[in-house]
Protein backbone atom coordinates (compact mmCIF):
# COMPACT_ATOMS: atom_id res chain seq x y z
CA MET A 1 -126.24 17.93 23.50
CA LYS A 2 -123.21 15.80 24.03
CA THR A 3 -120.86 15.92 27.14
CA ALA A 4 -117.99 17.27 25.03
CA GLU A 5 -120.32 20.14 23.73
CA VAL A 6 -121.49 20.92 27.17
CA ILE A 7 -117.78 21.38 28.29
CA SER A 8 -117.05 23.43 25.23
CA ARG A 9 -119.91 25.82 26.11
CA ILE A 10 -118.71 26.12 29.58
CA GLU A 11 -115.17 26.78 28.53
CA SER A 12 -116.57 29.53 26.15
CA LEU A 13 -118.09 31.31 29.24
CA VAL A 14 -115.06 30.68 31.74
CA PRO A 15 -112.03 29.35 29.92
CA SER A 16 -109.85 27.12 32.02
CA GLY A 17 -106.71 28.68 30.49
CA PHE A 18 -107.29 31.75 32.70
CA ALA A 19 -107.36 29.76 35.93
CA ALA A 20 -104.64 30.43 38.42
CA PRO A 21 -101.57 28.04 37.96
CA TRP A 22 -102.18 26.35 41.34
CA ASP A 23 -105.79 25.58 40.61
CA ASN A 24 -107.57 22.43 39.43
CA CYS A 25 -110.31 23.57 36.90
CA GLY A 26 -111.97 21.42 34.36
CA VAL A 27 -112.87 17.73 34.61
CA GLN A 28 -112.70 16.24 37.99
CA ILE A 29 -114.36 12.93 37.31
CA ALA A 30 -114.79 11.84 33.87
CA GLY A 31 -118.11 10.23 32.60
CA PRO A 32 -118.75 8.67 29.26
CA GLU A 33 -119.65 10.73 26.09
CA ARG A 34 -123.36 10.64 26.27
CA ASP A 35 -126.60 12.90 25.69
CA VAL A 36 -127.01 15.60 28.27
CA THR A 37 -130.38 17.12 28.82
CA LYS A 38 -129.88 18.00 32.54
CA VAL A 39 -126.97 19.96 34.07
CA ALA A 40 -126.73 20.49 37.76
CA VAL A 41 -124.74 23.65 39.18
CA ALA A 42 -123.67 23.96 42.80
CA LEU A 43 -121.03 25.76 44.80
CA ASP A 44 -119.46 22.65 46.36
CA PRO A 45 -119.51 18.82 45.30
CA LEU A 46 -120.61 17.75 48.73
CA PRO A 47 -122.35 14.29 49.05
CA GLN A 48 -125.81 15.53 50.01
CA VAL A 49 -125.61 18.18 46.95
CA VAL A 50 -124.42 15.38 44.59
CA SER A 51 -127.10 12.97 45.78
CA SER A 52 -129.88 15.68 44.96
CA ALA A 53 -128.54 16.44 41.67
CA LEU A 54 -128.24 12.68 40.68
CA GLU A 55 -131.80 11.94 41.97
CA TRP A 56 -132.96 14.82 39.89
CA GLY A 57 -131.47 13.08 36.87
CA ALA A 58 -128.37 15.16 36.15
CA GLN A 59 -126.01 13.84 33.58
CA PHE A 60 -123.50 16.51 34.18
CA VAL A 61 -122.62 18.34 37.30
CA LEU A 62 -120.76 21.79 37.41
CA THR A 63 -119.39 23.10 40.75
CA HIS A 64 -117.27 26.12 41.51
CA HIS A 65 -114.89 24.53 44.04
CA PRO A 66 -113.02 21.51 42.75
CA LEU A 67 -113.31 18.04 44.21
CA ALA A 68 -109.74 18.39 45.16
CA ILE A 69 -106.91 20.83 44.34
CA GLU A 70 -104.25 18.22 44.17
CA ALA A 71 -104.95 14.64 42.99
CA LYS A 72 -105.29 12.04 45.74
CA LEU A 73 -106.75 8.59 46.10
CA PRO A 74 -109.95 7.70 47.93
CA ALA A 75 -107.91 5.87 50.63
CA LYS A 76 -110.50 6.28 53.41
CA LEU A 77 -114.32 6.07 53.77
CA ASP A 78 -115.04 9.86 53.88
CA TRP A 79 -117.07 12.44 51.91
CA PHE A 80 -114.50 12.38 49.20
CA HIS A 81 -114.91 8.65 48.71
CA ASP A 82 -118.65 8.92 48.83
CA VAL A 83 -118.74 11.73 46.03
CA MET A 84 -116.45 9.60 43.81
CA LYS A 85 -118.57 6.50 44.43
CA GLN A 86 -121.80 8.31 43.45
CA PHE A 87 -120.25 9.66 40.26
CA PHE A 88 -118.82 6.30 39.20
CA CYS A 89 -122.00 4.54 39.79
CA ALA A 90 -124.08 7.05 37.85
CA ASP A 91 -121.50 7.55 34.97
CA VAL A 92 -121.74 11.21 35.31
CA THR A 93 -119.19 13.92 34.60
CA LEU A 94 -118.08 16.21 37.42
CA PHE A 95 -116.55 19.55 36.04
CA ALA A 96 -115.16 22.59 38.15
CA SER A 97 -114.92 26.23 37.10
CA HIS A 98 -113.00 27.78 40.12
CA THR A 99 -110.57 30.67 39.47
CA SER A 100 -111.55 30.33 35.74
CA LEU A 101 -114.83 31.87 36.81
CA ASP A 102 -113.35 34.05 39.49
CA VAL A 103 -111.48 36.22 36.93
CA GLN A 104 -114.42 36.72 34.78
CA PHE A 105 -115.26 40.18 35.93
CA LYS A 106 -118.10 40.76 33.49
CA GLY A 107 -119.97 37.58 34.65
CA ALA A 108 -121.68 36.47 37.77
CA VAL A 109 -118.59 37.15 40.00
CA SER A 110 -119.29 40.84 40.40
CA TRP A 111 -123.06 40.55 41.15
CA LEU A 112 -122.78 42.26 44.45
CA GLY A 113 -121.12 45.31 43.06
CA ARG A 114 -123.89 45.73 40.54
CA GLU A 115 -126.58 45.02 43.33
CA LEU A 116 -125.01 47.80 45.40
CA GLU A 117 -125.29 50.23 42.35
CA LEU A 118 -121.62 51.07 42.50
CA GLU A 119 -120.53 53.32 39.56
CA ASN A 120 -117.37 52.83 37.43
CA LEU A 121 -117.29 49.23 38.57
CA ARG A 122 -113.98 47.70 37.51
CA VAL A 123 -111.42 44.97 38.11
CA LEU A 124 -109.58 45.10 41.47
CA ASP A 125 -106.62 42.94 40.77
CA GLN A 126 -106.03 42.66 36.94
CA VAL A 127 -104.21 39.42 35.85
CA ALA A 128 -104.85 39.06 32.01
CA GLU A 129 -106.81 40.15 29.05
CA ASN A 130 -108.85 38.07 26.78
CA GLU A 131 -109.05 38.09 22.99
CA ALA A 132 -112.05 40.57 23.05
CA GLY A 133 -109.89 42.96 25.02
CA ASP A 134 -111.78 42.47 28.24
CA ILE A 135 -109.66 42.82 31.35
CA LEU A 136 -109.77 39.81 33.64
CA GLY A 137 -108.88 39.61 37.35
CA TYR A 138 -109.97 39.18 40.94
CA GLY A 139 -112.57 41.28 42.63
CA CYS A 140 -114.00 44.57 41.78
CA ILE A 141 -113.98 48.20 42.99
CA GLY A 142 -116.53 50.97 42.24
CA GLU A 143 -117.77 54.08 43.76
CA TYR A 144 -120.90 55.96 44.83
CA SER A 145 -121.77 59.28 43.46
CA SER A 146 -123.07 60.36 47.00
CA PRO A 147 -121.40 58.64 49.86
CA VAL A 148 -123.69 56.49 52.04
CA VAL A 149 -123.70 56.24 55.94
CA PHE A 150 -121.47 53.32 57.00
CA ALA A 151 -124.09 51.69 59.17
CA ASP A 152 -126.63 51.87 56.39
CA PHE A 153 -123.98 50.20 53.92
CA VAL A 154 -123.41 47.37 56.31
CA GLU A 155 -127.10 46.70 56.58
CA ARG A 156 -127.60 46.71 52.84
CA VAL A 157 -124.57 44.24 52.38
CA SER A 158 -126.08 41.92 55.10
CA GLN A 159 -129.39 41.88 53.28
CA LEU A 160 -128.02 41.47 49.78
CA SER A 161 -125.59 38.75 50.83
CA GLY A 162 -128.03 36.92 53.23
CA CYS A 163 -125.43 37.10 55.80
CA GLY A 164 -127.06 37.55 59.07
CA VAL A 165 -123.84 37.99 61.10
CA VAL A 166 -121.21 40.14 59.46
CA ALA A 167 -117.88 40.34 61.03
CA LEU A 168 -116.22 43.85 61.14
CA CYS A 169 -112.68 44.82 61.61
CA GLY A 170 -110.39 47.90 60.86
CA PRO A 171 -111.25 51.56 61.42
CA GLU A 172 -114.90 52.23 60.46
CA PRO A 173 -115.50 55.41 58.14
CA GLU A 174 -118.54 57.67 58.75
CA LYS A 175 -119.53 57.34 55.20
CA VAL A 176 -118.72 55.02 52.37
CA GLY A 177 -117.70 56.46 48.94
CA CYS A 178 -115.54 53.78 47.42
CA VAL A 179 -116.10 50.05 47.82
CA ALA A 180 -113.84 46.94 46.98
CA MET A 181 -114.82 43.26 47.26
CA CYS A 182 -113.62 40.01 46.45
CA PRO A 183 -115.61 36.74 46.88
CA GLY A 184 -114.17 33.84 48.72
CA SER A 185 -110.99 34.14 50.61
CA GLY A 186 -109.96 37.52 49.52
CA SER A 187 -107.98 39.06 52.45
CA SER A 188 -104.76 39.16 50.39
CA LEU A 189 -106.22 41.92 48.36
CA MET A 190 -107.03 44.13 51.36
CA ASP A 191 -103.98 46.23 51.03
CA LYS A 192 -104.35 46.66 47.32
CA ALA A 193 -108.01 47.75 47.85
CA PHE A 194 -107.26 50.34 50.33
CA GLY A 195 -104.36 51.52 48.28
CA LEU A 196 -106.78 52.15 45.45
CA GLY A 197 -108.83 54.39 47.70
CA ALA A 198 -111.63 51.95 48.93
CA ASP A 199 -113.30 52.85 52.34
CA VAL A 200 -114.68 49.42 52.69
CA PHE A 201 -113.46 45.90 51.50
CA ILE A 202 -115.95 42.94 51.50
CA THR A 203 -114.73 39.45 51.40
CA GLY A 204 -114.51 36.19 53.58
CA ASP A 205 -112.26 34.18 55.65
CA VAL A 206 -110.34 37.08 57.12
CA LYS A 207 -107.69 35.78 59.65
CA TYR A 208 -106.81 37.31 63.06
CA HIS A 209 -103.50 39.05 62.15
CA PRO A 210 -104.69 40.62 58.82
CA ALA A 211 -107.72 41.90 60.74
CA GLN A 212 -105.57 43.49 63.43
CA GLU A 213 -103.45 45.23 60.61
CA SER A 214 -106.06 46.43 58.31
CA VAL A 215 -105.93 50.20 57.44
CA GLY A 216 -109.48 50.31 56.48
CA ALA A 217 -112.92 48.85 57.21
CA VAL A 218 -113.32 45.18 56.38
CA LEU A 219 -116.72 43.32 56.16
CA ASP A 220 -116.36 39.68 56.47
CA VAL A 221 -119.40 37.98 55.08
CA GLY A 222 -118.00 34.46 54.92
CA HIS A 223 -116.74 32.26 52.12
CA PHE A 224 -120.26 30.97 51.52
CA SER A 225 -122.69 33.87 51.01
CA LEU A 226 -121.16 35.64 48.01
CA GLU A 227 -120.12 32.39 46.20
CA GLU A 228 -123.37 30.59 46.68
CA GLU A 229 -125.23 33.40 44.99
CA MET A 230 -122.47 33.94 42.30
CA MET A 231 -123.15 30.26 41.33
CA ARG A 232 -126.88 30.56 41.24
CA ARG A 233 -126.54 33.58 38.82
CA PHE A 234 -123.99 31.65 36.81
CA SER A 235 -126.39 28.78 36.39
CA VAL A 236 -128.77 31.27 34.81
CA LEU A 237 -126.09 32.28 32.25
CA LEU A 238 -125.15 28.86 31.64
CA GLY A 239 -128.79 27.94 30.86
CA GLU A 240 -128.98 30.71 28.42
CA GLU A 241 -125.73 29.42 26.69
CA LEU A 242 -126.84 25.76 26.59
CA GLY A 243 -130.31 26.63 25.21
CA LYS A 244 -133.78 24.92 25.44
CA GLU A 245 -132.37 21.35 24.77
CA VAL A 246 -130.55 21.37 28.21
CA GLU A 247 -132.08 22.10 31.41
CA VAL A 248 -129.83 23.81 34.01
CA LYS A 249 -130.73 23.67 37.63
CA PHE A 250 -129.03 25.22 40.73
CA PHE A 251 -128.64 23.07 43.78
CA SER A 252 -128.11 25.12 46.99
CA GLY A 253 -125.69 24.27 49.43
CA ARG A 254 -125.44 25.11 53.22
CA ASN A 255 -123.05 27.38 54.98
CA PRO A 256 -120.98 25.28 57.30
CA PHE A 257 -120.91 27.87 60.07
CA ALA A 258 -123.47 28.77 62.78
CA TYR A 259 -123.15 31.37 65.43
CA HIS A 260 -124.38 31.34 68.97
CA VAL A 261 -125.59 34.96 69.74
CA GLN A 262 -125.78 35.82 73.43
CA GLY A 263 -129.34 35.90 74.49
CA GLU A 264 -130.67 34.71 71.15
CA GLY A 265 -129.03 31.19 70.90
CA VAL A 266 -127.76 29.64 67.56
CA ARG A 267 -128.20 31.72 64.41
CA ARG A 268 -127.26 30.74 61.02
CA PRO A 269 -126.11 33.35 58.69
């Protein structure tokens, strides 16, 4: 399969036309038109991830996060320079599906809502409608037919997300009946979630003042955990789309945060 066809297949799943206006989806580093038999998928285009993908023999790399939101030159010897050098030397294409993937509610982005077995799962913040009539947007919200104990719910989220340290803020309910979530940095949707009746909102990167002002319970599982699993699942969907002639492999990243727990030492989520 040629490079252009791989891009076309990705766009059929997550069209860049639905990306946020501020975003930089699509080709990040152009490679030559070539036969592609191996596609690497990862959350971030970091040097160690790129190195592993290229050593595997990837001729095309797809990441969720763009190499850069705004165009810039490799003016210093940093990780950005390292990544660009690796791609130029290998003649490999780097492609990003960022908010173009985030708005695809029916895809991998809403995986946690399905794993939590929420009913009536739907888009939290609607932004568009595609040609098939599907509502696109950020995050999701759903309900339990029988509310669950809050402490049990938090433990379940921790297990599913792989986040060993969950930050909590806002008033905690005794039971959870309605749940909303948004992977990545979704704290801007907190008020909308609680306005729609959510008892709990799950996201990452919650800042100090929004945490103080929250009118409902918020679970901050970090930016990494939900999106790392999202991309692993998207790699499976992409593999099905590309078919047997192209091997798709997910390359794990690493949560940049670690936590010192009193009496336990350093713990990584």
